[in-house]
Amino acid sequence: MASGDVTTLTQDYAALPGSADAAAQHARTVVAEYQPYERQRADDAAAIVKALFLDALTRTSLGGNISLITTIDSERIRFEMHDPGERIPGAQPPIGVHERISALADAYGSAKTRRGRMAYAELHTPVHVR
């Protein structure tokens, strides 16, 4: 990937626990393609995205959608998980989810958006030039 080039991929998933695995596989595939010499980073990306997704499920009612936006440039891969933003009564984030993401990601955070909430995690290892 040449400096200055940006690729953005958007996927929408049903708000179901099984969709977390599909989102994690997407992350693993992206990192394997754009950081082919970083096998461990592909596993890290899958774990990060699965954790972000499971956390988003606590704010998304059954039948709702969770969006994953992946942005790739020459310096990083960024995963953004977008959800409706209001925690479902009684729903709790998975135990240790924030610590797990913080331990694996080079940057991690969240913000309110016009449509709800966005949580992101970044991997900063250089992206392979194709």
Protein backbone atom coordinates (compact mmCIF):
# COMPACT_ATOMS: atom_id res chain seq x y z
CA MET A 1 0.00 0.00 0.00
CA ALA A 2 1.50 3.31 -1.05
CA SER A 3 1.79 6.12 1.45
CA GLY A 4 -1.42 8.17 1.41
CA ASP A 5 -3.60 5.34 0.10
CA VAL A 6 -6.58 4.43 2.28
CA THR A 7 -8.88 1.43 1.96
CA THR A 8 -12.19 1.34 3.83
CA LEU A 9 -14.30 -1.78 4.24
CA THR A 10 -17.78 -1.76 5.81
CA GLN A 11 -19.71 -4.79 7.04
CA ASP A 12 -23.08 -4.90 8.79
CA TYR A 13 -23.81 -7.83 11.07
CA ALA A 14 -26.97 -9.05 12.75
CA ALA A 15 -26.88 -8.47 16.50
CA LEU A 16 -26.40 -12.15 17.33
CA PRO A 17 -23.60 -13.75 19.35
CA GLY A 18 -22.61 -15.94 16.37
CA SER A 19 -21.96 -12.84 14.28
CA ALA A 20 -18.99 -12.06 16.55
CA ASP A 21 -17.12 -14.98 14.98
CA ALA A 22 -17.81 -13.70 11.45
CA ALA A 23 -16.54 -10.23 12.38
CA ALA A 24 -13.45 -11.76 14.01
CA GLN A 25 -12.73 -13.79 10.87
CA HIS A 26 -12.99 -10.63 8.77
CA ALA A 27 -10.39 -8.95 11.00
CA ARG A 28 -8.06 -11.96 10.79
CA THR A 29 -8.34 -12.01 6.99
CA VAL A 30 -7.66 -8.27 6.64
CA VAL A 31 -4.55 -8.37 8.80
CA ALA A 32 -3.29 -11.53 7.08
CA GLU A 33 -3.64 -9.75 3.72
CA TYR A 34 -2.21 -6.37 4.67
CA GLN A 35 0.34 -7.50 7.25
CA PRO A 36 1.31 -10.92 5.86
CA TYR A 37 4.43 -11.31 8.03
CA GLU A 38 2.52 -10.60 11.24
CA ARG A 39 0.64 -13.86 11.96
CA GLN A 40 0.27 -13.06 15.67
CA ARG A 41 -1.25 -9.68 14.77
CA ALA A 42 -3.94 -11.47 12.75
CA ASP A 43 -4.88 -13.48 15.84
CA ASP A 44 -4.77 -10.29 17.94
CA ALA A 45 -7.06 -8.52 15.46
CA ALA A 46 -9.57 -11.38 15.61
CA ALA A 47 -9.60 -11.30 19.42
CA ILE A 48 -9.95 -7.51 19.47
CA VAL A 49 -12.85 -7.42 17.01
CA LYS A 50 -14.66 -10.27 18.73
CA ALA A 51 -14.36 -8.43 22.06
CA LEU A 52 -15.56 -5.16 20.50
CA PHE A 53 -18.51 -7.00 18.95
CA LEU A 54 -19.53 -8.79 22.15
CA ASP A 55 -19.41 -5.47 23.98
CA ALA A 56 -21.56 -3.86 21.25
CA LEU A 57 -24.14 -6.62 21.71
CA THR A 58 -24.86 -5.21 25.18
CA ARG A 59 -26.16 -2.05 23.46
CA THR A 60 -27.96 -3.60 20.49
CA SER A 61 -31.38 -5.21 20.70
CA LEU A 62 -32.14 -8.50 19.00
CA GLY A 63 -32.85 -7.83 15.35
CA GLY A 64 -30.61 -4.77 15.34
CA ASN A 65 -27.39 -4.28 13.39
CA ILE A 66 -23.79 -3.71 14.38
CA SER A 67 -21.48 -2.15 11.82
CA LEU A 68 -17.76 -2.84 11.51
CA ILE A 69 -15.76 -0.27 9.56
CA THR A 70 -12.18 -1.25 8.80
CA THR A 71 -9.77 1.44 7.61
CA ILE A 72 -6.36 0.47 6.27
CA ASP A 73 -3.55 2.88 5.48
CA SER A 74 0.23 2.56 5.26
CA GLU A 75 0.72 2.85 9.02
CA ARG A 76 -2.23 1.15 10.68
CA ILE A 77 -5.38 -0.92 10.49
CA ARG A 78 -8.29 0.56 12.42
CA PHE A 79 -11.40 -1.39 13.40
CA GLU A 80 -14.48 0.65 14.36
CA MET A 81 -17.53 -1.03 15.85
CA HIS A 82 -20.73 1.05 15.63
CA ASP A 83 -23.80 0.26 17.74
CA PRO A 84 -26.99 2.06 18.90
CA GLY A 85 -25.26 3.27 22.05
CA GLU A 86 -27.76 2.70 24.84
CA ARG A 87 -26.95 -0.22 27.12
CA ILE A 88 -29.76 -2.79 27.21
CA PRO A 89 -31.18 -2.96 30.75
CA GLY A 90 -29.44 -5.75 32.65
CA ALA A 91 -26.82 -6.34 29.96
CA GLN A 92 -23.22 -6.24 31.12
CA PRO A 93 -20.07 -6.12 28.98
CA PRO A 94 -18.05 -9.33 29.00
CA ILE A 95 -15.73 -9.55 32.01
CA GLY A 96 -12.31 -8.13 31.20
CA VAL A 97 -13.29 -6.96 27.70
CA HIS A 98 -11.68 -3.53 27.98
CA GLU A 99 -8.48 -4.88 29.53
CA ARG A 100 -8.21 -7.54 26.81
CA ILE A 101 -8.57 -5.00 24.01
CA SER A 102 -6.15 -2.55 25.67
CA ALA A 103 -3.54 -5.29 26.02
CA LEU A 104 -3.67 -6.24 22.32
CA ALA A 105 -4.33 -2.95 20.51
CA ASP A 106 -1.88 -0.11 19.93
CA ALA A 107 -4.72 2.40 20.39
CA TYR A 108 -8.22 1.91 21.76
CA GLY A 109 -11.12 4.17 22.63
CA SER A 110 -14.75 5.03 22.14
CA ALA A 111 -16.98 8.00 21.46
CA LYS A 112 -20.64 8.86 21.15
CA THR A 113 -21.84 9.39 17.61
CA ARG A 114 -25.00 10.84 16.09
CA ARG A 115 -26.38 7.32 15.74
CA GLY A 116 -25.09 5.79 18.97
CA ARG A 117 -21.60 4.71 19.96
CA MET A 118 -18.36 3.88 18.20
CA ALA A 119 -15.52 1.90 19.75
CA TYR A 120 -12.24 1.54 17.90
CA ALA A 121 -8.99 -0.34 18.13
CA GLU A 122 -5.88 0.12 16.00
CA LEU A 123 -2.90 -2.02 15.05
CA HIS A 124 0.03 0.22 14.12
CA THR A 125 2.50 -2.14 12.54
CA PRO A 126 3.39 -1.10 9.00
CA VAL A 127 1.01 -2.29 6.33
CA HIS A 128 2.44 -4.37 3.49
CA VAL A 129 2.94 -2.53 0.20
CA ARG A 130 1.13 -4.41 -2.56
